Amino acid sequence: MPSFNLTLDLGSSLELGSWILAVLCLDIGCWTLDVNMSAFPPISVLIRTFNSGQTLDQVMAALPLAEGDEFVVVDSGSTDATLAIATRHGARVFRPEGPFNYSRSLNVGFAAAHNPWVLVLSSHCIPASPGMLGLLRQTAFEAAAAVAVIYGQVALCKPADAVAAPENIDQARWERNRPRIGGNGLALYRRACWAEHPFAEDLITAEDLEWFLWAIRRGYSAFQVPQAWALYRNRGSVRHMFRKGWFEQINATTLINARGPGLSHASHFRNLLICTASLIKKVLLGRISPGIWLRQMAHTLGAYLASTRSAKHRQALLKVL
């Protein structure tokens, strides 16, 4: 039987097992499939750090880079082993001057990145799904031109929807029922879209939500990939976590309510009860430690109180926290 060689250009090398070289045997002959992966886009992995020594090594070790990939670390004055860890993994490290700002750190990293896709990953979000970087790379290769960002998800333990089908979210889908979207804990951005609209440096937090809302208004879409997930292991103080939840809620409420009515107080209280019950269940089953439970409860309570107080009351309460 005659033999035909078929070469497919499918992108740069992924983790072992991501692709299988196959021989297709047909009645008319034998086709040898030779996979050349040079067309898959290289990725810049952007990690913001501040005294992240407890988790950074796990984060970077879980991301085997392919040819052309790079680590870009933007540090905000770490005094622990963070910089030594980043250097050991071959990262290019940047240390912008001035007070810390989430958006500014991101913009510094994006400006320094060499590749067309930039994976934003928190220094306390440890990749846990098998072949996560390869999956995101393949998704970026296959993404339509309108896809500006590809979201994975972060969770305290393996999420229940880790096997759910990916979903494209454009403005029509968002306006229908405002599905839960990912964020800058784990998000792969098309760098050219970032160049059109850098992250808003006047926001304390929720810069990822502002960027998403801009993108869908411009006709872009977001692609959610639940199979790509990371464990959330923020080691911040209880006070830090409370304030983080507080400011995230304020900014999210402001951004979303500007485009329509927000949730009622009753809905916020129901969400508080649901989150609290979920956290209690996780700690009782041993899925999270008591320390993680305490920090997440502080975050949840901060978000709830911010959602139910007037602007005047929020300012007064924040002064004592």
C-alpha atoms as a PDB file:
ATOM      1  CA  MET A   1       0.000   0.000   0.000  1.00  0.00           C
ATOM      2  CA  PRO A   2       1.225   3.553  -0.707  1.00  0.00           C
ATOM      3  CA  SER A   3       2.285   5.711   2.243  1.00  0.00           C
ATOM      4  CA  PHE A   4       1.450   9.406   2.664  1.00  0.00           C
ATOM      5  CA  ASN A   5       3.148  11.761   5.128  1.00  0.00           C
ATOM      6  CA  LEU A   6       0.903  14.500   6.557  1.00  0.00           C
ATOM      7  CA  THR A   7       2.590  17.240   8.596  1.00  0.00           C
ATOM      8  CA  LEU A   8       0.448  19.451  10.836  1.00  0.00           C
ATOM      9  CA  ASP A   9       1.813  22.690  12.336  1.00  0.00           C
ATOM     10  CA  LEU A  10       0.145  22.752  15.739  1.00  0.00           C
ATOM     11  CA  GLY A  11       2.292  24.862  18.038  1.00  0.00           C
ATOM     12  CA  SER A  12       5.231  24.727  20.443  1.00  0.00           C
ATOM     13  CA  SER A  13       5.937  21.790  22.693  1.00  0.00           C
ATOM     14  CA  LEU A  14       3.499  21.166  25.498  1.00  0.00           C
ATOM     15  CA  GLU A  15       3.659  19.022  28.588  1.00  0.00           C
ATOM     16  CA  LEU A  16       4.325  15.329  27.998  1.00  0.00           C
ATOM     17  CA  GLY A  17       1.162  13.624  26.884  1.00  0.00           C
ATOM     18  CA  SER A  18      -0.566  16.731  25.543  1.00  0.00           C
ATOM     19  CA  TRP A  19      -0.430  15.370  22.006  1.00  0.00           C
ATOM     20  CA  ILE A  20      -0.102  11.823  20.622  1.00  0.00           C
ATOM     21  CA  LEU A  21       1.616  11.052  17.357  1.00  0.00           C
ATOM     22  CA  ALA A  22      -0.671   8.666  15.512  1.00  0.00           C
ATOM     23  CA  VAL A  23      -0.689   6.522  12.401  1.00  0.00           C
ATOM     24  CA  LEU A  24      -4.046   6.430  10.631  1.00  0.00           C
ATOM     25  CA  CYS A  25      -4.512   3.152   8.749  1.00  0.00           C
ATOM     26  CA  LEU A  26      -7.023   3.351   5.897  1.00  0.00           C
ATOM     27  CA  ASP A  27      -8.062   0.907   3.186  1.00  0.00           C
ATOM     28  CA  ILE A  28      -6.259   3.054   0.633  1.00  0.00           C
ATOM     29  CA  GLY A  29      -3.009   3.290   2.505  1.00  0.00           C
ATOM     30  CA  CYS A  30      -1.234   4.472   5.640  1.00  0.00           C
ATOM     31  CA  TRP A  31      -1.054   8.138   6.694  1.00  0.00           C
ATOM     32  CA  THR A  32       1.762   9.083   9.079  1.00  0.00           C
ATOM     33  CA  LEU A  33       0.824  12.042  11.280  1.00  0.00           C
ATOM     34  CA  ASP A  34       3.889  14.127  12.148  1.00  0.00           C
ATOM     35  CA  VAL A  35       3.050  16.874  14.639  1.00  0.00           C
ATOM     36  CA  ASN A  36       5.140  20.047  14.469  1.00  0.00           C
ATOM     37  CA  MET A  37       4.139  22.280  17.368  1.00  0.00           C
ATOM     38  CA  SER A  38       5.943  25.495  16.396  1.00  0.00           C
ATOM     39  CA  ALA A  39       2.711  27.390  15.669  1.00  0.00           C
ATOM     40  CA  PHE A  40       1.382  27.319  19.217  1.00  0.00           C
ATOM     41  CA  PRO A  41       1.885  30.801  20.687  1.00  0.00           C
ATOM     42  CA  PRO A  42       4.622  31.370  23.272  1.00  0.00           C
ATOM     43  CA  ILE A  43       3.345  32.740  26.560  1.00  0.00           C
ATOM     44  CA  SER A  44       4.682  35.325  29.000  1.00  0.00           C
ATOM     45  CA  VAL A  45       3.743  34.321  32.553  1.00  0.00           C
ATOM     46  CA  LEU A  46       3.274  37.497  34.592  1.00  0.00           C
ATOM     47  CA  ILE A  47       3.315  37.158  38.387  1.00  0.00           C
ATOM     48  CA  ARG A  48       2.903  40.043  40.838  1.00  0.00           C
ATOM     49  CA  THR A  49       4.713  39.467  44.117  1.00  0.00           C
ATOM     50  CA  PHE A  50       5.137  40.867  47.598  1.00  0.00           C
ATOM     51  CA  ASN A  51       6.776  38.622  50.192  1.00  0.00           C
ATOM     52  CA  SER A  52       5.449  35.614  48.285  1.00  0.00           C
ATOM     53  CA  GLY A  53       8.165  33.199  49.350  1.00  0.00           C
ATOM     54  CA  GLN A  54       5.737  30.718  50.917  1.00  0.00           C
ATOM     55  CA  THR A  55       3.968  29.936  47.631  1.00  0.00           C
ATOM     56  CA  LEU A  56       6.002  31.317  44.713  1.00  0.00           C
ATOM     57  CA  ASP A  57       8.237  28.274  44.251  1.00  0.00           C
ATOM     58  CA  GLN A  58       5.201  25.982  44.001  1.00  0.00           C
ATOM     59  CA  VAL A  59       3.542  28.327  41.515  1.00  0.00           C
ATOM     60  CA  MET A  60       6.535  28.569  39.184  1.00  0.00           C
ATOM     61  CA  ALA A  61       7.502  24.879  39.463  1.00  0.00           C
ATOM     62  CA  ALA A  62       3.983  23.922  38.322  1.00  0.00           C
ATOM     63  CA  LEU A  63       4.462  25.767  35.024  1.00  0.00           C
ATOM     64  CA  PRO A  64       6.957  23.968  32.757  1.00  0.00           C
ATOM     65  CA  LEU A  65       7.819  26.557  30.123  1.00  0.00           C
ATOM     66  CA  ALA A  66       8.099  25.728  26.439  1.00  0.00           C
ATOM     67  CA  GLU A  67      10.557  27.297  24.016  1.00  0.00           C
ATOM     68  CA  GLY A  68       9.864  31.025  23.763  1.00  0.00           C
ATOM     69  CA  ASP A  69       7.937  31.219  27.040  1.00  0.00           C
ATOM     70  CA  GLU A  70       9.137  33.469  29.850  1.00  0.00           C
ATOM     71  CA  PHE A  71       8.490  34.401  33.470  1.00  0.00           C
ATOM     72  CA  VAL A  72       7.984  38.105  34.187  1.00  0.00           C
ATOM     73  CA  VAL A  73       7.834  38.981  37.895  1.00  0.00           C
ATOM     74  CA  VAL A  74       6.781  42.432  39.097  1.00  0.00           C
ATOM     75  CA  ASP A  75       7.751  42.802  42.733  1.00  0.00           C
ATOM     76  CA  SER A  76       6.554  45.418  45.209  1.00  0.00           C
ATOM     77  CA  GLY A  77       9.353  45.465  47.754  1.00  0.00           C
ATOM     78  CA  SER A  78       9.681  41.881  48.967  1.00  0.00           C
ATOM     79  CA  THR A  79      12.073  41.310  51.871  1.00  0.00           C
ATOM     80  CA  ASP A  80      11.821  37.500  52.044  1.00  0.00           C
ATOM     81  CA  ALA A  81      13.077  34.866  49.590  1.00  0.00           C
ATOM     82  CA  THR A  82      10.746  35.970  46.777  1.00  0.00           C
ATOM     83  CA  LEU A  83      13.415  37.489  44.523  1.00  0.00           C
ATOM     84  CA  ALA A  84      15.802  34.570  44.969  1.00  0.00           C
ATOM     85  CA  ILE A  85      13.040  32.124  44.009  1.00  0.00           C
ATOM     86  CA  ALA A  86      12.047  34.156  40.954  1.00  0.00           C
ATOM     87  CA  THR A  87      15.665  34.391  39.804  1.00  0.00           C
ATOM     88  CA  ARG A  88      16.207  30.656  40.292  1.00  0.00           C
ATOM     89  CA  HIS A  89      13.319  29.991  37.900  1.00  0.00           C
ATOM     90  CA  GLY A  90      14.849  32.299  35.283  1.00  0.00           C
ATOM     91  CA  ALA A  91      12.380  35.172  35.664  1.00  0.00           C
ATOM     92  CA  ARG A  92      12.979  38.700  34.542  1.00  0.00           C
ATOM     93  CA  VAL A  93      12.240  40.773  37.648  1.00  0.00           C
ATOM     94  CA  PHE A  94      10.950  44.352  37.718  1.00  0.00           C
ATOM     95  CA  ARG A  95      10.581  46.496  40.822  1.00  0.00           C
ATOM     96  CA  PRO A  96       8.612  49.688  40.039  1.00  0.00           C
ATOM     97  CA  GLU A  97       9.035  52.574  42.440  1.00  0.00           C
ATOM     98  CA  GLY A  98       6.209  54.221  44.324  1.00  0.00           C
ATOM     99  CA  PRO A  99       3.242  52.862  46.292  1.00  0.00           C
ATOM    100  CA  PHE A 100       1.814  49.488  45.325  1.00  0.00           C
ATOM    101  CA  ASN A 101      -1.028  49.433  42.821  1.00  0.00           C
ATOM    102  CA  TYR A 102      -2.439  46.225  41.289  1.00  0.00           C
ATOM    103  CA  SER A 103      -3.061  47.803  37.893  1.00  0.00           C
ATOM    104  CA  ARG A 104       0.270  49.593  37.722  1.00  0.00           C
ATOM    105  CA  SER A 105       2.134  46.367  38.470  1.00  0.00           C
ATOM    106  CA  LEU A 106       0.220  44.627  35.707  1.00  0.00           C
ATOM    107  CA  ASN A 107       0.872  47.410  33.211  1.00  0.00           C
ATOM    108  CA  VAL A 108       4.610  47.310  33.981  1.00  0.00           C
ATOM    109  CA  GLY A 109       4.617  43.558  33.380  1.00  0.00           C
ATOM    110  CA  PHE A 110       2.588  43.708  30.164  1.00  0.00           C
ATOM    111  CA  ALA A 111       4.856  46.431  28.780  1.00  0.00           C
ATOM    112  CA  ALA A 112       7.888  44.225  29.481  1.00  0.00           C
ATOM    113  CA  ALA A 113       6.369  41.002  28.113  1.00  0.00           C
ATOM    114  CA  HIS A 114       7.753  39.711  24.806  1.00  0.00           C
ATOM    115  CA  ASN A 115       4.929  37.396  23.753  1.00  0.00           C
ATOM    116  CA  PRO A 116       1.488  37.847  22.160  1.00  0.00           C
ATOM    117  CA  TRP A 117      -0.301  36.149  25.065  1.00  0.00           C
ATOM    118  CA  VAL A 118       0.282  37.056  28.710  1.00  0.00           C
ATOM    119  CA  LEU A 119      -0.802  34.745  31.516  1.00  0.00           C
ATOM    120  CA  VAL A 120      -1.582  36.749  34.646  1.00  0.00           C
ATOM    121  CA  LEU A 121      -1.203  34.503  37.666  1.00  0.00           C
ATOM    122  CA  SER A 122      -1.317  35.489  41.329  1.00  0.00           C
ATOM    123  CA  SER A 123       1.708  34.484  43.379  1.00  0.00           C
ATOM    124  CA  HIS A 124      -0.648  32.666  45.770  1.00  0.00           C
ATOM    125  CA  CYS A 125      -2.560  30.721  43.092  1.00  0.00           C
ATOM    126  CA  ILE A 126      -0.871  27.340  42.660  1.00  0.00           C
ATOM    127  CA  PRO A 127      -1.661  25.590  39.332  1.00  0.00           C
ATOM    128  CA  ALA A 128      -3.304  22.269  40.166  1.00  0.00           C
ATOM    129  CA  SER A 129      -5.045  20.980  37.040  1.00  0.00           C
ATOM    130  CA  PRO A 130      -2.962  18.596  34.895  1.00  0.00           C
ATOM    131  CA  GLY A 131      -1.291  20.275  31.911  1.00  0.00           C
ATOM    132  CA  MET A 132      -2.818  23.665  32.717  1.00  0.00           C
ATOM    133  CA  LEU A 133      -0.357  25.737  30.715  1.00  0.00           C
ATOM    134  CA  GLY A 134      -0.663  23.419  27.713  1.00  0.00           C
ATOM    135  CA  LEU A 135      -4.458  23.611  27.834  1.00  0.00           C
ATOM    136  CA  LEU A 136      -4.416  27.404  27.933  1.00  0.00           C
ATOM    137  CA  ARG A 137      -1.865  27.500  25.111  1.00  0.00           C
ATOM    138  CA  GLN A 138      -4.011  25.261  22.913  1.00  0.00           C
ATOM    139  CA  THR A 139      -7.088  27.353  23.722  1.00  0.00           C
ATOM    140  CA  ALA A 140      -5.241  30.527  22.714  1.00  0.00           C
ATOM    141  CA  PHE A 141      -4.134  28.893  19.452  1.00  0.00           C
ATOM    142  CA  GLU A 142      -7.717  27.926  18.619  1.00  0.00           C
ATOM    143  CA  ALA A 143      -9.353  31.143  19.895  1.00  0.00           C
ATOM    144  CA  ALA A 144     -11.294  33.347  17.536  1.00  0.00           C
ATOM    145  CA  ALA A 145      -9.882  36.802  16.875  1.00  0.00           C
ATOM    146  CA  ALA A 146     -12.606  38.340  19.049  1.00  0.00           C
ATOM    147  CA  VAL A 147     -11.431  36.500  22.188  1.00  0.00           C
ATOM    148  CA  ALA A 148      -9.494  39.022  24.275  1.00  0.00           C
ATOM    149  CA  VAL A 149      -9.007  36.999  27.454  1.00  0.00           C
ATOM    150  CA  ILE A 150      -9.153  33.346  28.488  1.00  0.00           C
ATOM    151  CA  TYR A 151     -10.104  32.721  32.116  1.00  0.00           C
ATOM    152  CA  GLY A 152      -9.245  29.727  34.214  1.00  0.00           C
ATOM    153  CA  GLN A 153     -10.541  29.555  37.761  1.00  0.00           C
ATOM    154  CA  VAL A 154      -9.101  29.692  41.257  1.00  0.00           C
ATOM    155  CA  ALA A 155     -10.604  27.788  44.172  1.00  0.00           C
ATOM    156  CA  LEU A 156      -9.841  26.699  47.725  1.00  0.00           C
ATOM    157  CA  CYS A 157     -10.055  23.042  46.653  1.00  0.00           C
ATOM    158  CA  LYS A 158     -10.852  21.188  43.435  1.00  0.00           C
ATOM    159  CA  PRO A 159     -13.913  22.939  41.955  1.00  0.00           C
ATOM    160  CA  ALA A 160     -17.044  20.942  41.240  1.00  0.00           C
ATOM    161  CA  ASP A 161     -17.234  22.292  37.683  1.00  0.00           C
ATOM    162  CA  ALA A 162     -13.636  21.422  36.765  1.00  0.00           C
ATOM    163  CA  VAL A 163     -14.951  19.187  33.972  1.00  0.00           C
ATOM    164  CA  ALA A 164     -17.549  21.653  32.682  1.00  0.00           C
ATOM    165  CA  ALA A 165     -17.477  22.689  29.048  1.00  0.00           C
ATOM    166  CA  PRO A 166     -15.714  25.941  28.112  1.00  0.00           C
ATOM    167  CA  GLU A 167     -17.970  28.932  27.480  1.00  0.00           C
ATOM    168  CA  ASN A 168     -17.660  32.064  25.374  1.00  0.00           C
ATOM    169  CA  ILE A 169     -19.003  35.209  27.053  1.00  0.00           C
ATOM    170  CA  ASP A 170     -19.756  38.219  24.896  1.00  0.00           C
ATOM    171  CA  GLN A 171     -21.844  41.267  25.770  1.00  0.00           C
ATOM    172  CA  ALA A 172     -25.154  39.580  24.923  1.00  0.00           C
ATOM    173  CA  ARG A 173     -24.321  36.599  27.133  1.00  0.00           C
ATOM    174  CA  TRP A 174     -23.207  38.870  29.974  1.00  0.00           C
ATOM    175  CA  GLU A 175     -26.305  41.068  29.831  1.00  0.00           C
ATOM    176  CA  ARG A 176     -28.584  38.023  29.865  1.00  0.00           C
ATOM    177  CA  ASN A 177     -27.794  36.958  33.444  1.00  0.00           C
ATOM    178  CA  ARG A 178     -24.277  38.181  34.327  1.00  0.00           C
ATOM    179  CA  PRO A 179     -22.535  34.831  34.771  1.00  0.00           C
ATOM    180  CA  ARG A 180     -19.651  34.548  37.199  1.00  0.00           C
ATOM    181  CA  ILE A 181     -16.420  35.305  35.364  1.00  0.00           C
ATOM    182  CA  GLY A 182     -12.792  34.684  36.171  1.00  0.00           C
ATOM    183  CA  GLY A 183     -10.231  37.272  37.157  1.00  0.00           C
ATOM    184  CA  ASN A 184      -6.567  38.122  37.450  1.00  0.00           C
ATOM    185  CA  GLY A 185      -5.842  35.194  39.726  1.00  0.00           C
ATOM    186  CA  LEU A 186      -5.625  33.142  36.514  1.00  0.00           C
ATOM    187  CA  ALA A 187      -6.231  34.863  33.186  1.00  0.00           C
ATOM    188  CA  LEU A 188      -4.564  34.653  29.772  1.00  0.00           C
ATOM    189  CA  TYR A 189      -4.743  37.977  27.894  1.00  0.00           C
ATOM    190  CA  ARG A 190      -4.193  38.804  24.266  1.00  0.00           C
ATOM    191  CA  ARG A 191      -1.469  41.422  24.642  1.00  0.00           C
ATOM    192  CA  ALA A 192      -2.647  43.438  21.634  1.00  0.00           C
ATOM    193  CA  CYS A 193      -6.009  43.971  23.378  1.00  0.00           C
ATOM    194  CA  TRP A 194      -4.258  45.119  26.554  1.00  0.00           C
ATOM    195  CA  ALA A 195      -2.356  47.675  24.428  1.00  0.00           C
ATOM    196  CA  GLU A 196      -5.718  49.152  23.417  1.00  0.00           C
ATOM    197  CA  HIS A 197      -6.788  49.513  27.043  1.00  0.00           C
ATOM    198  CA  PRO A 198      -4.211  49.099  29.848  1.00  0.00           C
ATOM    199  CA  PHE A 199      -5.523  48.332  33.325  1.00  0.00           C
ATOM    200  CA  ALA A 200      -7.090  51.286  35.138  1.00  0.00           C
ATOM    201  CA  GLU A 201      -4.574  52.557  37.683  1.00  0.00           C
ATOM    202  CA  ASP A 202      -7.170  54.689  39.495  1.00  0.00           C
ATOM    203  CA  LEU A 203      -8.819  51.530  40.870  1.00  0.00           C
ATOM    204  CA  ILE A 204      -7.634  50.002  44.145  1.00  0.00           C
ATOM    205  CA  THR A 205      -8.794  46.579  42.987  1.00  0.00           C
ATOM    206  CA  ALA A 206     -11.332  44.968  40.584  1.00  0.00           C
ATOM    207  CA  GLU A 207      -9.157  46.105  37.684  1.00  0.00           C
ATOM    208  CA  ASP A 208      -9.902  42.787  35.982  1.00  0.00           C
ATOM    209  CA  LEU A 209     -13.664  43.412  36.060  1.00  0.00           C
ATOM    210  CA  GLU A 210     -13.244  46.913  34.633  1.00  0.00           C
ATOM    211  CA  TRP A 211     -11.116  45.503  31.817  1.00  0.00           C
ATOM    212  CA  PHE A 212     -13.617  42.739  31.055  1.00  0.00           C
ATOM    213  CA  LEU A 213     -16.494  45.243  30.856  1.00  0.00           C
ATOM    214  CA  TRP A 214     -14.447  47.424  28.513  1.00  0.00           C
ATOM    215  CA  ALA A 215     -13.616  44.428  26.308  1.00  0.00           C
ATOM    216  CA  ILE A 216     -17.197  43.222  25.816  1.00  0.00           C
ATOM    217  CA  ARG A 217     -18.380  46.797  25.112  1.00  0.00           C
ATOM    218  CA  ARG A 218     -15.750  46.960  22.358  1.00  0.00           C
ATOM    219  CA  GLY A 219     -17.069  43.789  20.765  1.00  0.00           C
ATOM    220  CA  TYR A 220     -14.525  41.395  22.233  1.00  0.00           C
ATOM    221  CA  SER A 221     -15.407  38.329  24.269  1.00  0.00           C
ATOM    222  CA  ALA A 222     -13.985  36.268  27.120  1.00  0.00           C
ATOM    223  CA  PHE A 223     -13.532  32.507  27.022  1.00  0.00           C
ATOM    224  CA  GLN A 224     -13.896  30.553  30.262  1.00  0.00           C
ATOM    225  CA  VAL A 225     -12.027  27.252  30.616  1.00  0.00           C
ATOM    226  CA  PRO A 226     -13.082  25.576  33.909  1.00  0.00           C
ATOM    227  CA  GLN A 227     -10.638  22.699  33.347  1.00  0.00           C
ATOM    228  CA  ALA A 228      -7.740  25.122  33.984  1.00  0.00           C
ATOM    229  CA  TRP A 229      -7.721  25.779  37.700  1.00  0.00           C
ATOM    230  CA  ALA A 230      -5.409  26.730  40.538  1.00  0.00           C
ATOM    231  CA  LEU A 231      -5.535  26.473  44.319  1.00  0.00           C
ATOM    232  CA  TYR A 232      -6.019  29.796  46.098  1.00  0.00           C
ATOM    233  CA  ARG A 233      -3.562  30.069  48.982  1.00  0.00           C
ATOM    234  CA  ASN A 234      -3.433  33.729  49.958  1.00  0.00           C
ATOM    235  CA  ARG A 235      -1.382  34.063  53.183  1.00  0.00           C
ATOM    236  CA  GLY A 236      -2.314  37.690  53.867  1.00  0.00           C
ATOM    237  CA  SER A 237      -3.343  38.822  57.347  1.00  0.00           C
ATOM    238  CA  VAL A 238      -6.975  38.731  58.455  1.00  0.00           C
ATOM    239  CA  ARG A 239      -7.048  42.536  58.259  1.00  0.00           C
ATOM    240  CA  HIS A 240      -5.618  42.470  54.744  1.00  0.00           C
ATOM    241  CA  MET A 241      -8.207  39.930  53.600  1.00  0.00           C
ATOM    242  CA  PHE A 242     -11.071  41.923  55.135  1.00  0.00           C
ATOM    243  CA  ARG A 243      -9.965  45.092  53.340  1.00  0.00           C
ATOM    244  CA  LYS A 244      -9.428  43.150  50.110  1.00  0.00           C
ATOM    245  CA  GLY A 245     -12.995  41.853  50.175  1.00  0.00           C
ATOM    246  CA  TRP A 246     -14.218  45.328  51.104  1.00  0.00           C
ATOM    247  CA  PHE A 247     -12.591  47.171  48.213  1.00  0.00           C
ATOM    248  CA  GLU A 248     -13.331  44.428  45.685  1.00  0.00           C
ATOM    249  CA  GLN A 249     -17.014  44.627  46.547  1.00  0.00           C
ATOM    250  CA  ILE A 250     -17.145  48.434  46.401  1.00  0.00           C
ATOM    251  CA  ASN A 251     -15.461  48.591  43.011  1.00  0.00           C
ATOM    252  CA  ALA A 252     -17.452  45.678  41.597  1.00  0.00           C
ATOM    253  CA  THR A 253     -20.720  47.226  42.768  1.00  0.00           C
ATOM    254  CA  THR A 254     -19.780  50.593  41.274  1.00  0.00           C
ATOM    255  CA  LEU A 255     -18.734  49.114  37.940  1.00  0.00           C
ATOM    256  CA  ILE A 256     -21.677  46.735  37.553  1.00  0.00           C
ATOM    257  CA  ASN A 257     -24.396  49.032  38.921  1.00  0.00           C
ATOM    258  CA  ALA A 258     -23.339  51.680  36.431  1.00  0.00           C
ATOM    259  CA  ARG A 259     -24.715  49.332  33.785  1.00  0.00           C
ATOM    260  CA  GLY A 260     -27.908  48.277  35.535  1.00  0.00           C
ATOM    261  CA  PRO A 261     -29.488  47.526  38.923  1.00  0.00           C
ATOM    262  CA  GLY A 262     -27.360  45.642  41.419  1.00  0.00           C
ATOM    263  CA  LEU A 263     -28.248  42.990  43.969  1.00  0.00           C
ATOM    264  CA  SER A 264     -30.642  43.715  46.819  1.00  0.00           C
ATOM    265  CA  HIS A 265     -29.562  43.610  50.477  1.00  0.00           C
ATOM    266  CA  ALA A 266     -31.455  40.327  50.812  1.00  0.00           C
ATOM    267  CA  SER A 267     -29.451  38.841  47.937  1.00  0.00           C
ATOM    268  CA  HIS A 268     -26.176  39.955  49.504  1.00  0.00           C
ATOM    269  CA  PHE A 269     -27.193  38.395  52.820  1.00  0.00           C
ATOM    270  CA  ARG A 270     -28.149  35.152  51.093  1.00  0.00           C
ATOM    271  CA  ASN A 271     -24.735  35.106  49.394  1.00  0.00           C
ATOM    272  CA  LEU A 272     -23.080  35.638  52.784  1.00  0.00           C
ATOM    273  CA  LEU A 273     -24.909  32.628  54.234  1.00  0.00           C
ATOM    274  CA  ILE A 274     -24.042  30.462  51.232  1.00  0.00           C
ATOM    275  CA  CYS A 275     -20.337  31.409  51.353  1.00  0.00           C
ATOM    276  CA  THR A 276     -20.170  30.911  55.119  1.00  0.00           C
ATOM    277  CA  ALA A 277     -21.807  27.486  54.935  1.00  0.00           C
ATOM    278  CA  SER A 278     -19.479  26.439  52.120  1.00  0.00           C
ATOM    279  CA  LEU A 279     -16.382  27.508  54.060  1.00  0.00           C
ATOM    280  CA  ILE A 280     -17.528  25.722  57.223  1.00  0.00           C
ATOM    281  CA  LYS A 281     -18.136  22.548  55.233  1.00  0.00           C
ATOM    282  CA  LYS A 282     -14.678  22.707  53.627  1.00  0.00           C
ATOM    283  CA  VAL A 283     -12.858  23.150  56.932  1.00  0.00           C
ATOM    284  CA  LEU A 284     -14.864  20.411  58.668  1.00  0.00           C
ATOM    285  CA  LEU A 285     -14.084  17.983  55.826  1.00  0.00           C
ATOM    286  CA  GLY A 286     -10.407  18.861  56.002  1.00  0.00           C
ATOM    287  CA  ARG A 287     -10.298  20.368  52.506  1.00  0.00           C
ATOM    288  CA  ILE A 288      -8.875  23.648  53.803  1.00  0.00           C
ATOM    289  CA  SER A 289      -6.923  24.544  56.929  1.00  0.00           C
ATOM    290  CA  PRO A 290      -8.371  26.628  59.788  1.00  0.00           C
ATOM    291  CA  GLY A 291      -6.032  29.459  58.787  1.00  0.00           C
ATOM    292  CA  ILE A 292      -7.368  29.556  55.232  1.00  0.00           C
ATOM    293  CA  TRP A 293     -10.915  29.377  56.614  1.00  0.00           C
ATOM    294  CA  LEU A 294     -10.306  32.392  58.865  1.00  0.00           C
ATOM    295  CA  ARG A 295      -8.800  34.484  56.070  1.00  0.00           C
ATOM    296  CA  GLN A 296     -11.613  33.661  53.658  1.00  0.00           C
ATOM    297  CA  MET A 297     -14.243  34.426  56.289  1.00  0.00           C
ATOM    298  CA  ALA A 298     -12.627  37.835  56.773  1.00  0.00           C
ATOM    299  CA  HIS A 299     -12.729  38.399  52.994  1.00  0.00           C
ATOM    300  CA  THR A 300     -16.376  37.311  52.807  1.00  0.00           C
ATOM    301  CA  LEU A 301     -17.402  39.505  55.729  1.00  0.00           C
ATOM    302  CA  GLY A 302     -15.567  42.506  54.285  1.00  0.00           C
ATOM    303  CA  ALA A 303     -17.382  42.107  50.982  1.00  0.00           C
ATOM    304  CA  TYR A 304     -20.762  41.738  52.697  1.00  0.00           C
ATOM    305  CA  LEU A 305     -20.379  44.783  54.944  1.00  0.00           C
ATOM    306  CA  ALA A 306     -19.223  46.908  52.021  1.00  0.00           C
ATOM    307  CA  SER A 307     -22.296  45.873  50.040  1.00  0.00           C
ATOM    308  CA  THR A 308     -24.777  46.826  52.759  1.00  0.00           C
ATOM    309  CA  ARG A 309     -23.389  50.151  54.001  1.00  0.00           C
ATOM    310  CA  SER A 310     -23.843  53.635  52.604  1.00  0.00           C
ATOM    311  CA  ALA A 311     -20.752  55.469  51.334  1.00  0.00           C
ATOM    312  CA  LYS A 312     -20.678  57.559  54.528  1.00  0.00           C
ATOM    313  CA  HIS A 313     -20.859  54.511  56.797  1.00  0.00           C
ATOM    314  CA  ARG A 314     -18.217  52.681  54.762  1.00  0.00           C
ATOM    315  CA  GLN A 315     -15.748  55.531  55.178  1.00  0.00           C
ATOM    316  CA  ALA A 316     -16.358  55.717  58.934  1.00  0.00           C
ATOM    317  CA  LEU A 317     -15.957  51.962  59.430  1.00  0.00           C
ATOM    318  CA  LEU A 318     -12.845  51.709  57.293  1.00  0.00           C
ATOM    319  CA  LYS A 319     -11.057  54.288  59.461  1.00  0.00           C
ATOM    320  CA  VAL A 320     -11.015  51.869  62.395  1.00  0.00           C
ATOM    321  CA  LEU A 321      -9.981  48.797  60.399  1.00  0.00           C
END
